């Protein structure tokens, strides 16, 4: 997940954090992180809902196929 920072050492990361602190200020960083956390949480929830819906549609489809195969295509 964090493979893109593989080439960065501790000094580089500290310099980046210092620049972020200078740009946004100490009071603004918690607000930014809170908003980022909410965004990540909403994304995870939406993706989980999509997976659940796909799973339920797949289950319904397999149940429909089972019912049709029990009767046979020429039943009637």
PDB file of N, CA and C in Angstrom:
ATOM      1  N   UNK A   1       0.823  -1.194   0.000  1.00  0.00           N
ATOM      2  CA  UNK A   1       0.000   0.000   0.000  1.00  0.00           C
ATOM      3  C   UNK A   1       0.866   1.255   0.000  1.00  0.00           C
ATOM      4  N   UNK A   2       1.914   1.248   0.787  1.00  0.00           N
ATOM      5  CA  UNK A   2       2.768   2.416   0.860  1.00  0.00           C
ATOM      6  C   UNK A   2       4.061   2.198   0.091  1.00  0.00           C
ATOM      7  N   UNK A   3       3.989   1.490  -1.011  1.00  0.00           N
ATOM      8  CA  UNK A   3       5.173   1.191  -1.805  1.00  0.00           C
ATOM      9  C   UNK A   3       5.766   2.451  -2.424  1.00  0.00           C
ATOM     10  N   UNK A   4       4.945   3.479  -2.651  1.00  0.00           N
ATOM     11  CA  UNK A   4       5.432   4.690  -3.280  1.00  0.00           C
ATOM     12  C   UNK A   4       6.389   5.462  -2.383  1.00  0.00           C
ATOM     13  N   UNK A   5       6.412   5.199  -1.069  1.00  0.00           N
ATOM     14  CA  UNK A   5       7.354   5.889  -0.189  1.00  0.00           C
ATOM     15  C   UNK A   5       8.555   5.008   0.139  1.00  0.00           C
ATOM     16  N   UNK A   6       8.744   3.948  -0.618  1.00  0.00           N
ATOM     17  CA  UNK A   6       9.848   3.027  -0.384  1.00  0.00           C
ATOM     18  C   UNK A   6      11.201   3.702  -0.472  1.00  0.00           C
ATOM     19  N   UNK A   7      11.356   4.703  -1.328  1.00  0.00           N
ATOM     20  CA  UNK A   7      12.627   5.383  -1.500  1.00  0.00           C
ATOM     21  C   UNK A   7      12.849   6.521  -0.526  1.00  0.00           C
ATOM     22  N   UNK A   8      11.849   6.835   0.282  1.00  0.00           N
ATOM     23  CA  UNK A   8      11.983   7.948   1.217  1.00  0.00           C
ATOM     24  C   UNK A   8      12.491   7.445   2.566  1.00  0.00           C
ATOM     25  N   UNK A   9      13.482   8.142   3.083  1.00  0.00           N
ATOM     26  CA  UNK A   9      13.990   7.802   4.399  1.00  0.00           C
ATOM     27  C   UNK A   9      13.357   8.683   5.453  1.00  0.00           C
ATOM     28  N   UNK A  10      13.785   8.500   6.680  1.00  0.00           N
ATOM     29  CA  UNK A  10      13.247   9.278   7.798  1.00  0.00           C
ATOM     30  C   UNK A  10      13.464  10.777   7.617  1.00  0.00           C
ATOM     31  N   UNK A  11      14.652  11.235   7.219  1.00  0.00           N
ATOM     32  CA  UNK A  11      14.828  12.689   7.065  1.00  0.00           C
ATOM     33  C   UNK A  11      13.891  13.296   6.030  1.00  0.00           C
ATOM     34  N   UNK A  12      13.691  12.595   4.923  1.00  0.00           N
ATOM     35  CA  UNK A  12      12.809  13.121   3.879  1.00  0.00           C
ATOM     36  C   UNK A  12      11.367  13.212   4.365  1.00  0.00           C
ATOM     37  N   UNK A  13      10.924  12.190   5.075  1.00  0.00           N
ATOM     38  CA  UNK A  13       9.553  12.198   5.600  1.00  0.00           C
ATOM     39  C   UNK A  13       9.380  13.326   6.612  1.00  0.00           C
ATOM     40  N   UNK A  14      10.375  13.543   7.476  1.00  0.00           N
ATOM     41  CA  UNK A  14      10.299  14.635   8.459  1.00  0.00           C
ATOM     42  C   UNK A  14      10.256  15.996   7.778  1.00  0.00           C
ATOM     43  N   UNK A  15      11.016  16.165   6.709  1.00  0.00           N
ATOM     44  CA  UNK A  15      10.994  17.433   5.974  1.00  0.00           C
ATOM     45  C   UNK A  15       9.622  17.651   5.349  1.00  0.00           C
ATOM     46  N   UNK A  16       9.047  16.615   4.765  1.00  0.00           N
ATOM     47  CA  UNK A  16       7.708  16.727   4.171  1.00  0.00           C
ATOM     48  C   UNK A  16       6.681  17.091   5.234  1.00  0.00           C
ATOM     49  N   UNK A  17       6.745  16.440   6.397  1.00  0.00           N
ATOM     50  CA  UNK A  17       5.802  16.753   7.475  1.00  0.00           C
ATOM     51  C   UNK A  17       5.983  18.181   7.973  1.00  0.00           C
ATOM     52  N   UNK A  18       7.213  18.661   8.042  1.00  0.00           N
ATOM     53  CA  UNK A  18       7.481  20.038   8.464  1.00  0.00           C
ATOM     54  C   UNK A  18       6.894  21.025   7.462  1.00  0.00           C
ATOM     55  N   UNK A  19       7.038  20.744   6.172  1.00  0.00           N
ATOM     56  CA  UNK A  19       6.471  21.624   5.142  1.00  0.00           C
ATOM     57  C   UNK A  19       4.952  21.652   5.246  1.00  0.00           C
ATOM     58  N   UNK A  20       4.345  20.490   5.462  1.00  0.00           N
ATOM     59  CA  UNK A  20       2.885  20.432   5.623  1.00  0.00           C
ATOM     60  C   UNK A  20       2.451  21.245   6.836  1.00  0.00           C
ATOM     61  N   UNK A  21       3.197  21.122   7.920  1.00  0.00           N
ATOM     62  CA  UNK A  21       2.887  21.882   9.137  1.00  0.00           C
ATOM     63  C   UNK A  21       2.990  23.380   8.880  1.00  0.00           C
ATOM     64  N   UNK A  22       3.987  23.801   8.140  1.00  0.00           N
ATOM     65  CA  UNK A  22       4.148  25.220   7.840  1.00  0.00           C
ATOM     66  C   UNK A  22       3.063  25.732   6.900  1.00  0.00           C
ATOM     67  N   UNK A  23       2.654  24.905   5.939  1.00  0.00           N
ATOM     68  CA  UNK A  23       1.643  25.341   4.983  1.00  0.00           C
ATOM     69  C   UNK A  23       0.260  25.457   5.608  1.00  0.00           C
ATOM     70  N   UNK A  24      -0.127  24.473   6.395  1.00  0.00           N
ATOM     71  CA  UNK A  24      -1.493  24.430   6.903  1.00  0.00           C
ATOM     72  C   UNK A  24      -1.636  24.912   8.337  1.00  0.00           C
ATOM     73  N   UNK A  25      -0.598  24.889   9.113  1.00  0.00           N
ATOM     74  CA  UNK A  25      -0.679  25.308  10.501  1.00  0.00           C
ATOM     75  C   UNK A  25      -1.158  24.183  11.397  1.00  0.00           C
ATOM     76  N   UNK A  26      -0.808  24.275  12.655  1.00  0.00           N
ATOM     77  CA  UNK A  26      -1.098  23.208  13.618  1.00  0.00           C
ATOM     78  C   UNK A  26      -2.598  23.064  13.872  1.00  0.00           C
ATOM     79  N   UNK A  27      -3.362  24.147  13.775  1.00  0.00           N
ATOM     80  CA  UNK A  27      -4.797  24.064  14.057  1.00  0.00           C
ATOM     81  C   UNK A  27      -5.565  23.438  12.895  1.00  0.00           C
ATOM     82  N   UNK A  28      -5.067  23.570  11.701  1.00  0.00           N
ATOM     83  CA  UNK A  28      -5.773  23.120  10.504  1.00  0.00           C
ATOM     84  C   UNK A  28      -5.566  21.632  10.215  1.00  0.00           C
ATOM     85  N   UNK A  29      -4.426  21.079  10.619  1.00  0.00           N
ATOM     86  CA  UNK A  29      -4.097  19.683  10.304  1.00  0.00           C
ATOM     87  C   UNK A  29      -5.118  18.694  10.884  1.00  0.00           C
ATOM     88  N   UNK A  30      -5.541  18.820  12.155  1.00  0.00           N
ATOM     89  CA  UNK A  30      -6.558  17.879  12.654  1.00  0.00           C
ATOM     90  C   UNK A  30      -7.871  17.932  11.873  1.00  0.00           C
ATOM     91  N   UNK A  31      -8.253  19.120  11.432  1.00  0.00           N
ATOM     92  CA  UNK A  31      -9.472  19.244  10.630  1.00  0.00           C
ATOM     93  C   UNK A  31      -9.311  18.531   9.289  1.00  0.00           C
ATOM     94  N   UNK A  32      -8.151  18.686   8.677  1.00  0.00           N
ATOM     95  CA  UNK A  32      -7.892  18.031   7.394  1.00  0.00           C
ATOM     96  C   UNK A  32      -7.908  16.518   7.565  1.00  0.00           C
ATOM     97  N   UNK A  33      -7.266  16.027   8.615  1.00  0.00           N
ATOM     98  CA  UNK A  33      -7.208  14.587   8.854  1.00  0.00           C
ATOM     99  C   UNK A  33      -8.593  14.027   9.174  1.00  0.00           C
ATOM    100  N   UNK A  34      -9.399  14.790   9.905  1.00  0.00           N
ATOM    101  CA  UNK A  34     -10.756  14.364  10.224  1.00  0.00           C
ATOM    102  C   UNK A  34     -11.581  14.234   8.950  1.00  0.00           C
ATOM    103  N   UNK A  35     -11.468  15.227   8.070  1.00  0.00           N
ATOM    104  CA  UNK A  35     -12.176  15.166   6.791  1.00  0.00           C
ATOM    105  C   UNK A  35     -11.690  14.009   5.928  1.00  0.00           C
ATOM    106  N   UNK A  36     -10.386  13.768   5.937  1.00  0.00           N
ATOM    107  CA  UNK A  36      -9.835  12.650   5.183  1.00  0.00           C
ATOM    108  C   UNK A  36     -10.343  11.326   5.736  1.00  0.00           C
ATOM    109  N   UNK A  37     -10.413  11.210   7.056  1.00  0.00           N
ATOM    110  CA  UNK A  37     -10.930   9.992   7.684  1.00  0.00           C
ATOM    111  C   UNK A  37     -12.388   9.744   7.326  1.00  0.00           C
ATOM    112  N   UNK A  38     -13.189  10.805   7.331  1.00  0.00           N
ATOM    113  CA  UNK A  38     -14.603  10.666   6.956  1.00  0.00           C
ATOM    114  C   UNK A  38     -14.737  10.229   5.515  1.00  0.00           C
ATOM    115  N   UNK A  39     -13.915  10.804   4.644  1.00  0.00           N
ATOM    116  CA  UNK A  39     -13.962  10.425   3.235  1.00  0.00           C
ATOM    117  C   UNK A  39     -13.594   8.969   3.028  1.00  0.00           C
ATOM    118  N   UNK A  40     -12.563   8.511   3.712  1.00  0.00           N
ATOM    119  CA  UNK A  40     -12.147   7.107   3.605  1.00  0.00           C
ATOM    120  C   UNK A  40     -13.236   6.193   4.141  1.00  0.00           C
ATOM    121  N   UNK A  41     -13.840   6.568   5.264  1.00  0.00           N
ATOM    122  CA  UNK A  41     -14.905   5.762   5.865  1.00  0.00           C
ATOM    123  C   UNK A  41     -16.101   5.658   4.922  1.00  0.00           C
ATOM    124  N   UNK A  42     -16.495   6.770   4.313  1.00  0.00           N
ATOM    125  CA  UNK A  42     -17.619   6.752   3.375  1.00  0.00           C
ATOM    126  C   UNK A  42     -17.298   5.913   2.142  1.00  0.00           C
ATOM    127  N   UNK A  43     -16.053   5.993   1.658  1.00  0.00           N
ATOM    128  CA  UNK A  43     -15.656   5.194   0.510  1.00  0.00           C
ATOM    129  C   UNK A  43     -15.717   3.711   0.838  1.00  0.00           C
ATOM    130  N   UNK A  44     -15.209   3.319   2.004  1.00  0.00           N
ATOM    131  CA  UNK A  44     -15.254   1.914   2.400  1.00  0.00           C
ATOM    132  C   UNK A  44     -16.693   1.433   2.539  1.00  0.00           C
ATOM    133  N   UNK A  45     -17.551   2.264   3.121  1.00  0.00           N
ATOM    134  CA  UNK A  45     -18.951   1.892   3.299  1.00  0.00           C
ATOM    135  C   UNK A  45     -19.632   1.722   1.941  1.00  0.00           C
ATOM    136  N   UNK A  46     -19.384   2.647   1.027  1.00  0.00           N
ATOM    137  CA  UNK A  46     -20.000   2.556  -0.297  1.00  0.00           C
ATOM    138  C   UNK A  46     -19.492   1.337  -1.056  1.00  0.00           C
ATOM    139  N   UNK A  47     -18.214   1.048  -0.942  1.00  0.00           N
ATOM    140  CA  UNK A  47     -17.690  -0.119  -1.649  1.00  0.00           C
ATOM    141  C   UNK A  47     -18.235  -1.406  -1.044  1.00  0.00           C
ATOM    142  N   UNK A  48     -18.415  -1.441   0.274  1.00  0.00           N
ATOM    143  CA  UNK A  48     -18.978  -2.624   0.923  1.00  0.00           C
ATOM    144  C   UNK A  48     -20.435  -2.814   0.507  1.00  0.00           C
ATOM    145  N   UNK A  49     -21.189  -1.709   0.413  1.00  0.00           N
ATOM    146  CA  UNK A  49     -22.573  -1.799  -0.037  1.00  0.00           C
ATOM    147  C   UNK A  49     -22.649  -2.332  -1.463  1.00  0.00           C
ATOM    148  N   UNK A  50     -21.723  -1.897  -2.311  1.00  0.00           N
ATOM    149  CA  UNK A  50     -21.706  -2.383  -3.695  1.00  0.00           C
ATOM    150  C   UNK A  50     -21.403  -3.877  -3.734  1.00  0.00           C
ATOM    151  N   UNK A  51     -20.449  -4.319  -2.921  1.00  0.00           N
ATOM    152  CA  UNK A  51     -20.111  -5.744  -2.870  1.00  0.00           C
ATOM    153  C   UNK A  51     -21.299  -6.546  -2.361  1.00  0.00           C
ATOM    154  N   UNK A  52     -21.969  -6.043  -1.329  1.00  0.00           N
ATOM    155  CA  UNK A  52     -23.139  -6.734  -0.787  1.00  0.00           C
ATOM    156  C   UNK A  52     -24.255  -6.842  -1.830  1.00  0.00           C
ATOM    157  N   UNK A  53     -24.478  -5.762  -2.566  1.00  0.00           N
ATOM    158  CA  UNK A  53     -25.540  -5.777  -3.572  1.00  0.00           C
ATOM    159  C   UNK A  53     -25.204  -6.758  -4.702  1.00  0.00           C
ATOM    160  N   UNK A  54     -23.961  -6.761  -5.125  1.00  0.00           N
ATOM    161  CA  UNK A  54     -23.551  -7.707  -6.169  1.00  0.00           C
ATOM    162  C   UNK A  54     -23.707  -9.134  -5.672  1.00  0.00           C
ATOM    163  N   UNK A  55     -23.338  -9.377  -4.417  1.00  0.00           N
ATOM    164  CA  UNK A  55     -23.482 -10.718  -3.849  1.00  0.00           C
ATOM    165  C   UNK A  55     -24.945 -11.141  -3.806  1.00  0.00           C
ATOM    166  N   UNK A  56     -25.819 -10.231  -3.392  1.00  0.00           N
ATOM    167  CA  UNK A  56     -27.234 -10.582  -3.308  1.00  0.00           C
ATOM    168  C   UNK A  56     -27.817 -10.830  -4.694  1.00  0.00           C
ATOM    169  N   UNK A  57     -27.390 -10.038  -5.685  1.00  0.00           N
ATOM    170  CA  UNK A  57     -27.868 -10.257  -7.047  1.00  0.00           C
ATOM    171  C   UNK A  57     -27.363 -11.591  -7.588  1.00  0.00           C
ATOM    172  N   UNK A  58     -26.136 -11.935  -7.260  1.00  0.00           N
ATOM    173  CA  UNK A  58     -25.582 -13.212  -7.699  1.00  0.00           C
ATOM    174  C   UNK A  58     -26.325 -14.371  -7.058  1.00  0.00           C
ATOM    175  N   UNK A  59     -26.644 -14.237  -5.760  1.00  0.00           N
ATOM    176  CA  UNK A  59     -27.397 -15.285  -5.065  1.00  0.00           C
ATOM    177  C   UNK A  59     -28.792 -15.428  -5.663  1.00  0.00           C
ATOM    178  N   UNK A  60     -29.458 -14.304  -5.944  1.00  0.00           N
ATOM    179  CA  UNK A  60     -30.792 -14.356  -6.541  1.00  0.00           C
ATOM    180  C   UNK A  60     -30.740 -15.006  -7.917  1.00  0.00           C
ATOM    181  N   UNK A  61     -29.721 -14.677  -8.675  1.00  0.00           N
ATOM    182  CA  UNK A  61     -29.575 -15.239 -10.005  1.00  0.00           C
ATOM    183  C   UNK A  61     -29.348 -16.746  -9.940  1.00  0.00           C
ATOM    184  N   UNK A  62     -28.533 -17.199  -8.988  1.00  0.00           N
ATOM    185  CA  UNK A  62     -28.284 -18.636  -8.871  1.00  0.00           C
ATOM    186  C   UNK A  62     -29.530 -19.365  -8.366  1.00  0.00           C
ATOM    187  N   UNK A  63     -30.335 -18.712  -7.516  1.00  0.00           N
ATOM    188  CA  UNK A  63     -31.588 -19.316  -7.059  1.00  0.00           C
ATOM    189  C   UNK A  63     -32.565 -19.433  -8.225  1.00  0.00           C
ATOM    190  N   UNK A  64     -32.627 -18.415  -9.080  1.00  0.00           N
ATOM    191  CA  UNK A  64     -33.505 -18.458 -10.246  1.00  0.00           C
ATOM    192  C   UNK A  64     -33.083 -19.565 -11.200  1.00  0.00           C
ATOM    193  N   UNK A  65     -31.788 -19.720 -11.395  1.00  0.00           N
ATOM    194  CA  UNK A  65     -31.285 -20.766 -12.290  1.00  0.00           C
ATOM    195  C   UNK A  65     -31.572 -22.148 -11.722  1.00  0.00           C
ATOM    196  N   UNK A  66     -31.490 -22.294 -10.411  1.00  0.00           N
ATOM    197  CA  UNK A  66     -31.782 -23.578  -9.778  1.00  0.00           C
ATOM    198  C   UNK A  66     -33.245 -23.927  -9.962  1.00  0.00           C
ATOM    199  N   UNK A  67     -34.146 -22.978  -9.805  1.00  0.00           N
ATOM    200  CA  UNK A  67     -35.581 -23.206  -9.973  1.00  0.00           C
ATOM    201  C   UNK A  67     -35.889 -23.593 -11.408  1.00  0.00           C
ATOM    202  N   UNK A  68     -35.268 -22.915 -12.370  1.00  0.00           N
ATOM    203  CA  UNK A  68     -35.517 -23.230 -13.774  1.00  0.00           C
ATOM    204  C   UNK A  68     -34.983 -24.602 -14.133  1.00  0.00           C
ATOM    205  N   UNK A  69     -33.844 -24.985 -13.588  1.00  0.00           N
ATOM    206  CA  UNK A  69     -33.273 -26.278 -13.946  1.00  0.00           C
ATOM    207  C   UNK A  69     -34.040 -27.428 -13.290  1.00  0.00           C
ATOM    208  N   UNK A  70     -34.724 -27.156 -12.165  1.00  0.00           N
ATOM    209  CA  UNK A  70     -35.538 -28.197 -11.525  1.00  0.00           C
ATOM    210  C   UNK A  70     -36.745 -28.541 -12.412  1.00  0.00           C
ATOM    211  N   UNK A  71     -37.356 -27.537 -13.010  1.00  0.00           N
ATOM    212  CA  UNK A  71     -38.515 -27.741 -13.866  1.00  0.00           C
ATOM    213  C   UNK A  71     -38.107 -28.255 -15.242  1.00  0.00           C
ATOM    214  N   UNK A  72     -36.946 -27.894 -15.653  1.00  0.00           N
ATOM    215  CA  UNK A  72     -36.497 -28.261 -16.985  1.00  0.00           C
ATOM    216  C   UNK A  72     -36.987 -27.257 -17.998  1.00  0.00           C
ATOM    217  N   UNK A  73     -36.279 -27.107 -19.112  1.00  0.00           N
ATOM    218  CA  UNK A  73     -36.676 -26.098 -20.091  1.00  0.00           C
ATOM    219  C   UNK A  73     -37.970 -26.441 -20.823  1.00  0.00           C
ATOM    220  N   UNK A  74     -38.349 -27.712 -20.878  1.00  0.00           N
ATOM    221  CA  UNK A  74     -39.562 -28.126 -21.604  1.00  0.00           C
ATOM    222  C   UNK A  74     -40.693 -28.505 -20.679  1.00  0.00           C
ATOM    223  N   UNK A  75     -40.589 -28.152 -19.401  1.00  0.00           N
ATOM    224  CA  UNK A  75     -41.642 -28.516 -18.434  1.00  0.00           C
ATOM    225  C   UNK A  75     -42.888 -27.707 -18.733  1.00  0.00           C
ATOM    226  N   UNK A  76     -44.004 -28.320 -18.500  1.00  0.00           N
ATOM    227  CA  UNK A  76     -45.190 -27.500 -18.697  1.00  0.00           C
ATOM    228  C   UNK A  76     -46.364 -28.211 -19.042  1.00  0.00           C
TER     229      UNK A  76
END
